[in-house]
C-alpha atoms as a PDB file:
ATOM      1  CA  MET A   1      -6.398   2.897 -20.630  1.00  0.00           C
ATOM      2  CA  TYR A   2      -4.537   6.071 -19.674  1.00  0.00           C
ATOM      3  CA  GLU A   3      -2.043   8.199 -21.557  1.00  0.00           C
ATOM      4  CA  LEU A   4       1.259   8.568 -19.716  1.00  0.00           C
ATOM      5  CA  ASP A   5       1.880  12.255 -19.010  1.00  0.00           C
ATOM      6  CA  PRO A   6       5.600  12.881 -18.316  1.00  0.00           C
ATOM      7  CA  THR A   7       4.801  16.060 -16.382  1.00  0.00           C
ATOM      8  CA  VAL A   8       2.854  13.940 -13.898  1.00  0.00           C
ATOM      9  CA  THR A   9       5.420  11.184 -13.395  1.00  0.00           C
ATOM     10  CA  SER A  10       8.609  13.234 -13.137  1.00  0.00           C
ATOM     11  CA  SER A  11       7.972  15.189  -9.928  1.00  0.00           C
ATOM     12  CA  VAL A  12       8.835  12.368  -7.471  1.00  0.00           C
ATOM     13  CA  GLN A  13      12.222  10.634  -7.557  1.00  0.00           C
ATOM     14  CA  ARG A  14      12.547   6.843  -7.468  1.00  0.00           C
ATOM     15  CA  PHE A  15      11.494   6.937  -3.836  1.00  0.00           C
ATOM     16  CA  GLU A  16      11.538   9.299  -0.894  1.00  0.00           C
ATOM     17  CA  ARG A  17      11.733   8.618   2.839  1.00  0.00           C
ATOM     18  CA  LEU A  18       9.213  10.260   5.114  1.00  0.00           C
ATOM     19  CA  ARG A  19       8.957   9.874   8.888  1.00  0.00           C
ATOM     20  CA  TYR A  20       6.262   9.627  11.525  1.00  0.00           C
ATOM     21  CA  ASP A  21       6.292   9.059  15.287  1.00  0.00           C
ATOM     22  CA  ALA A  22       5.749   5.309  15.614  1.00  0.00           C
ATOM     23  CA  THR A  23       5.116   5.664  19.357  1.00  0.00           C
ATOM     24  CA  ALA A  24       2.388   8.274  18.998  1.00  0.00           C
ATOM     25  CA  ILE A  25       0.929   6.459  15.973  1.00  0.00           C
ATOM     26  CA  PRO A  26       1.072   2.787  17.084  1.00  0.00           C
ATOM     27  CA  LEU A  27       0.446   1.079  13.764  1.00  0.00           C
ATOM     28  CA  VAL A  28       2.553  -1.954  14.686  1.00  0.00           C
ATOM     29  CA  SER A  29       0.588  -2.822  17.822  1.00  0.00           C
ATOM     30  CA  VAL A  30      -2.771  -1.997  16.258  1.00  0.00           C
ATOM     31  CA  VAL A  31      -2.173  -4.215  13.225  1.00  0.00           C
ATOM     32  CA  ALA A  32      -0.823  -7.008  15.440  1.00  0.00           C
ATOM     33  CA  ALA A  33      -4.042  -6.861  17.481  1.00  0.00           C
ATOM     34  CA  MET A  34      -6.111  -6.897  14.296  1.00  0.00           C
ATOM     35  CA  LEU A  35      -4.274 -10.006  13.110  1.00  0.00           C
ATOM     36  CA  GLU A  36      -4.505 -11.600  16.574  1.00  0.00           C
ATOM     37  CA  VAL A  37      -0.753 -12.078  17.037  1.00  0.00           C
ATOM     38  CA  GLU A  38       1.836 -10.674  19.421  1.00  0.00           C
ATOM     39  CA  ASP A  39       4.774 -10.499  16.999  1.00  0.00           C
ATOM     40  CA  LEU A  40       4.194  -9.619  13.351  1.00  0.00           C
ATOM     41  CA  THR A  41       7.506 -11.184  12.309  1.00  0.00           C
ATOM     42  CA  THR A  42       6.159 -14.641  13.224  1.00  0.00           C
ATOM     43  CA  LEU A  43       3.248 -14.629  10.762  1.00  0.00           C
ATOM     44  CA  THR A  44       3.190 -17.604   8.424  1.00  0.00           C
ATOM     45  CA  CYS A  45       0.850 -17.607   5.436  1.00  0.00           C
ATOM     46  CA  ASP A  46      -0.780 -20.756   4.122  1.00  0.00           C
ATOM     47  CA  THR A  47       0.951 -21.007   0.759  1.00  0.00           C
ATOM     48  CA  LEU A  48       3.649 -19.502  -1.392  1.00  0.00           C
ATOM     49  CA  VAL A  49       2.054 -16.513  -3.040  1.00  0.00           C
ATOM     50  CA  THR A  50       2.845 -16.703  -6.730  1.00  0.00           C
ATOM     51  CA  ARG A  51      -0.131 -15.080  -8.422  1.00  0.00           C
ATOM     52  CA  GLN A  52      -1.464 -11.534  -8.278  1.00  0.00           C
ATOM     53  CA  MET A  53      -4.952 -12.867  -7.524  1.00  0.00           C
ATOM     54  CA  ASP A  54      -3.787 -14.651  -4.340  1.00  0.00           C
ATOM     55  CA  ASP A  55      -1.954 -11.923  -2.472  1.00  0.00           C
ATOM     56  CA  GLN A  56      -4.968 -10.731  -0.427  1.00  0.00           C
ATOM     57  CA  ARG A  57      -6.475 -14.107   0.495  1.00  0.00           C
ATOM     58  CA  SER A  58      -4.571 -15.322   3.547  1.00  0.00           C
ATOM     59  CA  VAL A  59      -6.180 -15.899   6.937  1.00  0.00           C
ATOM     60  CA  PHE A  60      -4.440 -12.748   8.136  1.00  0.00           C
ATOM     61  CA  HIS A  61      -6.045 -10.669   5.417  1.00  0.00           C
ATOM     62  CA  ARG A  62      -9.438 -11.976   6.501  1.00  0.00           C
ATOM     63  CA  ARG A  63      -8.711 -10.939  10.095  1.00  0.00           C
ATOM     64  CA  TYR A  64      -7.462  -7.558   8.864  1.00  0.00           C
ATOM     65  CA  PHE A  65     -10.692  -6.790   7.045  1.00  0.00           C
ATOM     66  CA  ASP A  66     -12.793  -8.163   9.911  1.00  0.00           C
ATOM     67  CA  HIS A  67     -11.176  -5.639  12.275  1.00  0.00           C
ATOM     68  CA  VAL A  68     -10.401  -2.813   9.866  1.00  0.00           C
ATOM     69  CA  ASP A  69     -12.330  -0.252  11.940  1.00  0.00           C
ATOM     70  CA  GLN A  70      -9.526  -0.468  14.513  1.00  0.00           C
ATOM     71  CA  LEU A  71      -7.129   1.016  11.966  1.00  0.00           C
ATOM     72  CA  HIS A  72      -9.083   4.228  11.401  1.00  0.00           C
ATOM     73  CA  GLU A  73      -7.613   6.324  14.215  1.00  0.00           C
ATOM     74  CA  PRO A  74      -3.904   5.516  13.631  1.00  0.00           C
ATOM     75  CA  TYR A  75      -4.416   5.769   9.869  1.00  0.00           C
ATOM     76  CA  CYS A  76      -5.843   9.268  10.288  1.00  0.00           C
ATOM     77  CA  GLY A  77      -2.882  10.092  12.513  1.00  0.00           C
ATOM     78  CA  LEU A  78      -0.470   8.850   9.857  1.00  0.00           C
ATOM     79  CA  LEU A  79      -2.158  10.880   7.129  1.00  0.00           C
ATOM     80  CA  ASP A  80      -1.971  13.973   9.304  1.00  0.00           C
ATOM     81  CA  ALA A  81       1.730  13.353  10.030  1.00  0.00           C
ATOM     82  CA  LEU A  82       2.395  13.080   6.296  1.00  0.00           C
ATOM     83  CA  GLY A  83       0.444  16.249   5.515  1.00  0.00           C
ATOM     84  CA  LEU A  84      -2.265  14.395   3.621  1.00  0.00           C
ATOM     85  CA  SER A  85      -5.910  15.421   3.945  1.00  0.00           C
ATOM     86  CA  PRO A  86      -8.947  13.754   2.322  1.00  0.00           C
ATOM     87  CA  ASP A  87     -10.296  17.287   1.998  1.00  0.00           C
ATOM     88  CA  GLU A  88      -7.589  18.017  -0.563  1.00  0.00           C
ATOM     89  CA  VAL A  89      -6.510  14.740  -2.164  1.00  0.00           C
ATOM     90  CA  LEU A  90      -8.097  11.357  -2.846  1.00  0.00           C
ATOM     91  CA  VAL A  91      -6.743   8.853  -0.315  1.00  0.00           C
ATOM     92  CA  GLN A  92      -7.117   5.074  -0.466  1.00  0.00           C
ATOM     93  CA  ARG A  93      -9.928   4.329   1.977  1.00  0.00           C
ATOM     94  CA  ILE A  94      -8.509   1.083   3.384  1.00  0.00           C
ATOM     95  CA  PRO A  95      -4.734   0.577   3.269  1.00  0.00           C
ATOM     96  CA  THR A  96      -3.563  -2.672   1.699  1.00  0.00           C
ATOM     97  CA  LEU A  97      -1.977  -5.256   3.985  1.00  0.00           C
ATOM     98  CA  ARG A  98       1.076  -7.152   2.717  1.00  0.00           C
ATOM     99  CA  VAL A  99       2.468 -10.243   4.419  1.00  0.00           C
ATOM    100  CA  GLN A 100       5.664 -11.878   3.191  1.00  0.00           C
ATOM    101  CA  SER A 101       6.422 -14.896   5.321  1.00  0.00           C
ATOM    102  CA  PRO A 102       9.627 -16.953   4.958  1.00  0.00           C
ATOM    103  CA  GLY A 103       9.791 -18.730   1.618  1.00  0.00           C
ATOM    104  CA  SER A 104       7.035 -16.597   0.093  1.00  0.00           C
ATOM    105  CA  LEU A 105       6.321 -13.497  -1.936  1.00  0.00           C
ATOM    106  CA  ALA A 106       4.151 -10.570  -0.848  1.00  0.00           C
ATOM    107  CA  VAL A 107       2.846  -9.887  -4.353  1.00  0.00           C
ATOM    108  CA  GLY A 108       2.557 -12.286  -7.231  1.00  0.00           C
ATOM    109  CA  ALA A 109       4.485 -10.525  -9.972  1.00  0.00           C
ATOM    110  CA  TRP A 110       6.735  -7.582 -10.646  1.00  0.00           C
ATOM    111  CA  HIS A 111       4.554  -4.872 -12.112  1.00  0.00           C
ATOM    112  CA  ARG A 112       3.627  -1.255 -12.522  1.00  0.00           C
ATOM    113  CA  ASP A 113       0.282  -0.363 -10.979  1.00  0.00           C
ATOM    114  CA  MET A 114      -0.805   0.996 -14.369  1.00  0.00           C
ATOM    115  CA  ASP A 115      -0.801  -2.627 -15.533  1.00  0.00           C
ATOM    116  CA  TYR A 116      -3.781  -3.207 -13.222  1.00  0.00           C
ATOM    117  CA  GLY A 117      -5.832  -0.139 -14.064  1.00  0.00           C
ATOM    118  CA  HIS A 118      -4.358   2.455 -11.713  1.00  0.00           C
ATOM    119  CA  HIS A 119      -3.960   6.043 -12.886  1.00  0.00           C
ATOM    120  CA  PRO A 120      -0.357   7.079 -13.707  1.00  0.00           C
ATOM    121  CA  ALA A 121      -0.714  10.141 -11.461  1.00  0.00           C
ATOM    122  CA  GLU A 122      -1.220   8.052  -8.319  1.00  0.00           C
ATOM    123  CA  ILE A 123       1.412   8.239  -5.577  1.00  0.00           C
ATOM    124  CA  ASN A 124       2.167   5.220  -3.390  1.00  0.00           C
ATOM    125  CA  TYR A 125       2.997   5.283   0.315  1.00  0.00           C
ATOM    126  CA  TRP A 126       4.588   2.108   1.683  1.00  0.00           C
ATOM    127  CA  VAL A 127       4.715   1.641   5.471  1.00  0.00           C
ATOM    128  CA  PRO A 128       6.809  -1.250   6.872  1.00  0.00           C
ATOM    129  CA  LEU A 129       5.726  -2.577  10.259  1.00  0.00           C
ATOM    130  CA  THR A 130       8.616  -5.027  10.779  1.00  0.00           C
ATOM    131  CA  PRO A 131      12.407  -4.896  10.282  1.00  0.00           C
ATOM    132  CA  LEU A 132      13.579  -5.199   6.684  1.00  0.00           C
ATOM    133  CA  CYS A 133      16.370  -6.910   4.803  1.00  0.00           C
ATOM    134  CA  PRO A 134      16.953  -7.245   1.033  1.00  0.00           C
ATOM    135  CA  ASP A 135      15.154 -10.614   0.970  1.00  0.00           C
ATOM    136  CA  ASN A 136      11.904  -9.436   2.562  1.00  0.00           C
ATOM    137  CA  THR A 137      11.499  -5.853   1.460  1.00  0.00           C
ATOM    138  CA  LEU A 138       9.910  -3.980  -1.394  1.00  0.00           C
ATOM    139  CA  TRP A 139      12.102  -3.544  -4.460  1.00  0.00           C
ATOM    140  CA  ILE A 140      11.633  -0.509  -6.716  1.00  0.00           C
ATOM    141  CA  GLU A 141      13.163  -1.086 -10.138  1.00  0.00           C
ATOM    142  CA  ASP A 142      16.454  -2.801  -9.221  1.00  0.00           C
ATOM    143  CA  GLU A 143      16.861  -1.414  -5.704  1.00  0.00           C
ATOM    144  CA  PRO A 144      15.817  -2.968  -2.383  1.00  0.00           C
ATOM    145  CA  VAL A 145      14.129  -0.425  -0.120  1.00  0.00           C
ATOM    146  CA  LEU A 146      15.764  -0.548   3.309  1.00  0.00           C
ATOM    147  CA  VAL A 147      14.088   1.758   5.794  1.00  0.00           C
ATOM    148  CA  ASP A 148      13.117   1.527   9.447  1.00  0.00           C
ATOM    149  CA  VAL A 149       9.783   1.171  11.214  1.00  0.00           C
ATOM    150  CA  GLY A 150       8.617   4.758  11.613  1.00  0.00           C
ATOM    151  CA  GLU A 151       9.552   5.607   8.041  1.00  0.00           C
ATOM    152  CA  VAL A 152       7.299   5.751   4.991  1.00  0.00           C
ATOM    153  CA  VAL A 153       8.408   5.268   1.400  1.00  0.00           C
ATOM    154  CA  ARG A 154       6.747   7.501  -1.181  1.00  0.00           C
ATOM    155  CA  PHE A 155       7.088   6.492  -4.829  1.00  0.00           C
ATOM    156  CA  ARG A 156       5.327   6.411  -8.187  1.00  0.00           C
ATOM    157  CA  GLY A 157       4.143   2.831  -8.166  1.00  0.00           C
ATOM    158  CA  ALA A 158       1.910   3.350 -11.187  1.00  0.00           C
ATOM    159  CA  THR A 159       4.908   3.887 -13.449  1.00  0.00           C
ATOM    160  CA  ALA A 160       7.874   2.413 -11.539  1.00  0.00           C
ATOM    161  CA  ARG A 161       8.360  -1.339 -11.831  1.00  0.00           C
ATOM    162  CA  HIS A 162       8.301  -2.887  -8.367  1.00  0.00           C
ATOM    163  CA  GLY A 163       7.897  -6.198  -6.589  1.00  0.00           C
ATOM    164  CA  ASN A 164       9.842  -8.487  -4.284  1.00  0.00           C
ATOM    165  CA  VAL A 165      12.055 -11.544  -4.210  1.00  0.00           C
ATOM    166  CA  VAL A 166      11.371 -14.781  -2.327  1.00  0.00           C
ATOM    167  CA  ASN A 167      11.870 -14.173   1.379  1.00  0.00           C
ATOM    168  CA  ARG A 168      14.938 -16.167   2.428  1.00  0.00           C
ATOM    169  CA  ALA A 169      15.039 -14.530   5.854  1.00  0.00           C
ATOM    170  CA  ASN A 170      13.815 -16.343   8.955  1.00  0.00           C
ATOM    171  CA  ARG A 171      11.181 -13.730   9.755  1.00  0.00           C
ATOM    172  CA  SER A 172       8.100 -12.339   8.069  1.00  0.00           C
ATOM    173  CA  ARG A 173       7.731  -8.864   6.674  1.00  0.00           C
ATOM    174  CA  VAL A 174       4.434  -7.094   7.299  1.00  0.00           C
ATOM    175  CA  SER A 175       3.576  -3.724   5.784  1.00  0.00           C
ATOM    176  CA  ILE A 176       0.649  -1.594   4.769  1.00  0.00           C
ATOM    177  CA  ASP A 177       0.478   0.678   1.775  1.00  0.00           C
ATOM    178  CA  PHE A 178      -1.914   3.151   0.259  1.00  0.00           C
ATOM    179  CA  ARG A 179      -2.233   5.441  -2.727  1.00  0.00           C
ATOM    180  CA  THR A 180      -3.262   9.043  -3.252  1.00  0.00           C
ATOM    181  CA  LEU A 181      -4.492  10.859  -6.336  1.00  0.00           C
ATOM    182  CA  ASP A 182      -4.956  14.498  -7.252  1.00  0.00           C
ATOM    183  CA  PRO A 183      -8.753  14.924  -7.615  1.00  0.00           C
ATOM    184  CA  THR A 184      -8.354  16.472 -11.063  1.00  0.00           C
ATOM    185  CA  TYR A 185      -7.437  12.982 -12.350  1.00  0.00           C
ATOM    186  CA  TYR A 186     -10.421  11.207 -10.802  1.00  0.00           C
ATOM    187  CA  SER A 187     -12.029   8.646 -13.144  1.00  0.00           C
ATOM    188  CA  PRO A 188     -14.950   6.927 -11.347  1.00  0.00           C
ATOM    189  CA  GLY A 189     -15.794   4.509 -14.144  1.00  0.00           C
ATOM    190  CA  VAL A 190     -12.478   2.622 -13.985  1.00  0.00           C
ATOM    191  CA  ARG A 191     -11.966  -0.735 -12.241  1.00  0.00           C
ATOM    192  CA  SER A 192      -8.902  -2.669 -11.187  1.00  0.00           C
ATOM    193  CA  VAL A 193      -7.895  -5.230 -13.797  1.00  0.00           C
ATOM    194  CA  SER A 194      -6.866  -7.854 -11.230  1.00  0.00           C
ATOM    195  CA  HIS A 195      -9.629  -7.674  -8.599  1.00  0.00           C
ATOM    196  CA  GLY A 196     -12.352  -5.643 -10.288  1.00  0.00           C
ATOM    197  CA  VAL A 197     -12.266  -2.966  -7.580  1.00  0.00           C
ATOM    198  CA  GLU A 198     -14.131   0.161  -8.637  1.00  0.00           C
ATOM    199  CA  PHE A 199     -11.965   3.255  -8.219  1.00  0.00           C
ATOM    200  CA  ARG A 200     -14.820   5.371  -6.904  1.00  0.00           C
ATOM    201  CA  VAL A 201     -15.134   7.723  -3.910  1.00  0.00           C
ATOM    202  CA  GLY A 202     -16.719   5.803  -1.027  1.00  0.00           C
ATOM    203  CA  LYS A 203     -15.441   2.474  -2.336  1.00  0.00           C
ATOM    204  CA  TYR A 204     -11.721   2.635  -3.123  1.00  0.00           C
ATOM    205  CA  TRP A 205     -11.146   6.350  -2.494  1.00  0.00           C
ATOM    206  CA  TRP A 206     -11.773   8.526   0.549  1.00  0.00           C
ATOM    207  CA  TYR A 207     -12.432  12.144  -0.375  1.00  0.00           C
ATOM    208  CA  SER A 208     -14.447  14.876   1.312  1.00  0.00           C
ATOM    209  CA  GLY A 209     -13.632  17.769  -1.017  1.00  0.00           C
ATOM    210  CA  ARG A 210     -15.867  19.214  -3.709  1.00  0.00           C
ATOM    211  CA  HIS A 211     -13.666  18.958  -6.785  1.00  0.00           C
ATOM    212  CA  VAL A 212     -14.730  15.637  -8.296  1.00  0.00           C
ATOM    213  CA  ARG A 213     -17.732  14.506 -10.302  1.00  0.00           C
ATOM    214  CA  ASP A 214     -19.038  11.072  -9.415  1.00  0.00           C
ATOM    215  CA  ASP A 215     -21.675  10.667 -12.098  1.00  0.00           C
ATOM    216  CA  ALA A 216     -19.812   8.396 -14.533  1.00  0.00           C
END
């Protein structure tokens, strides 16, 4: 679907740690309210997630999308803290919620996002909202990502193989993640292979600049 340009994929190392003020930007409490729970570590999903098609279908994902407007203000605060502006870069409009309860997976298969139609120039931002351990965290290539709440992991998920292992811990991991894309790589006619999501401004992408054509 896309040609892999090494000049695009080499500028970010395996992953980088960024920070934000988790008190000023209360993502944990906002997401907990959206999911109608007090403690995100106690979430329990219905079934063991084993397929890519199932990882956004829990009751908590339904609550998340029902209340997604509540996320707008802290999400804007996070973008500002990370130096990201929809005036300058395409930003995923609604961050993706991941829930990995004990005995489960957060995503169905190890993958590169390119495998599902994403552009190789996309950059991923992964934001944990609960404490992490090797059993309940994101893995990038062969390395578990161990960071704290208040940190953000930036990595090239389109080209780096990533996934998770079955959560053997006694607590759930909850995180959100989103992608950005330089507007020069915008391709509005492309859809996600797994869910059929159209990668278009106003649907998947949020962008208020003037450097894209949306007439495909």
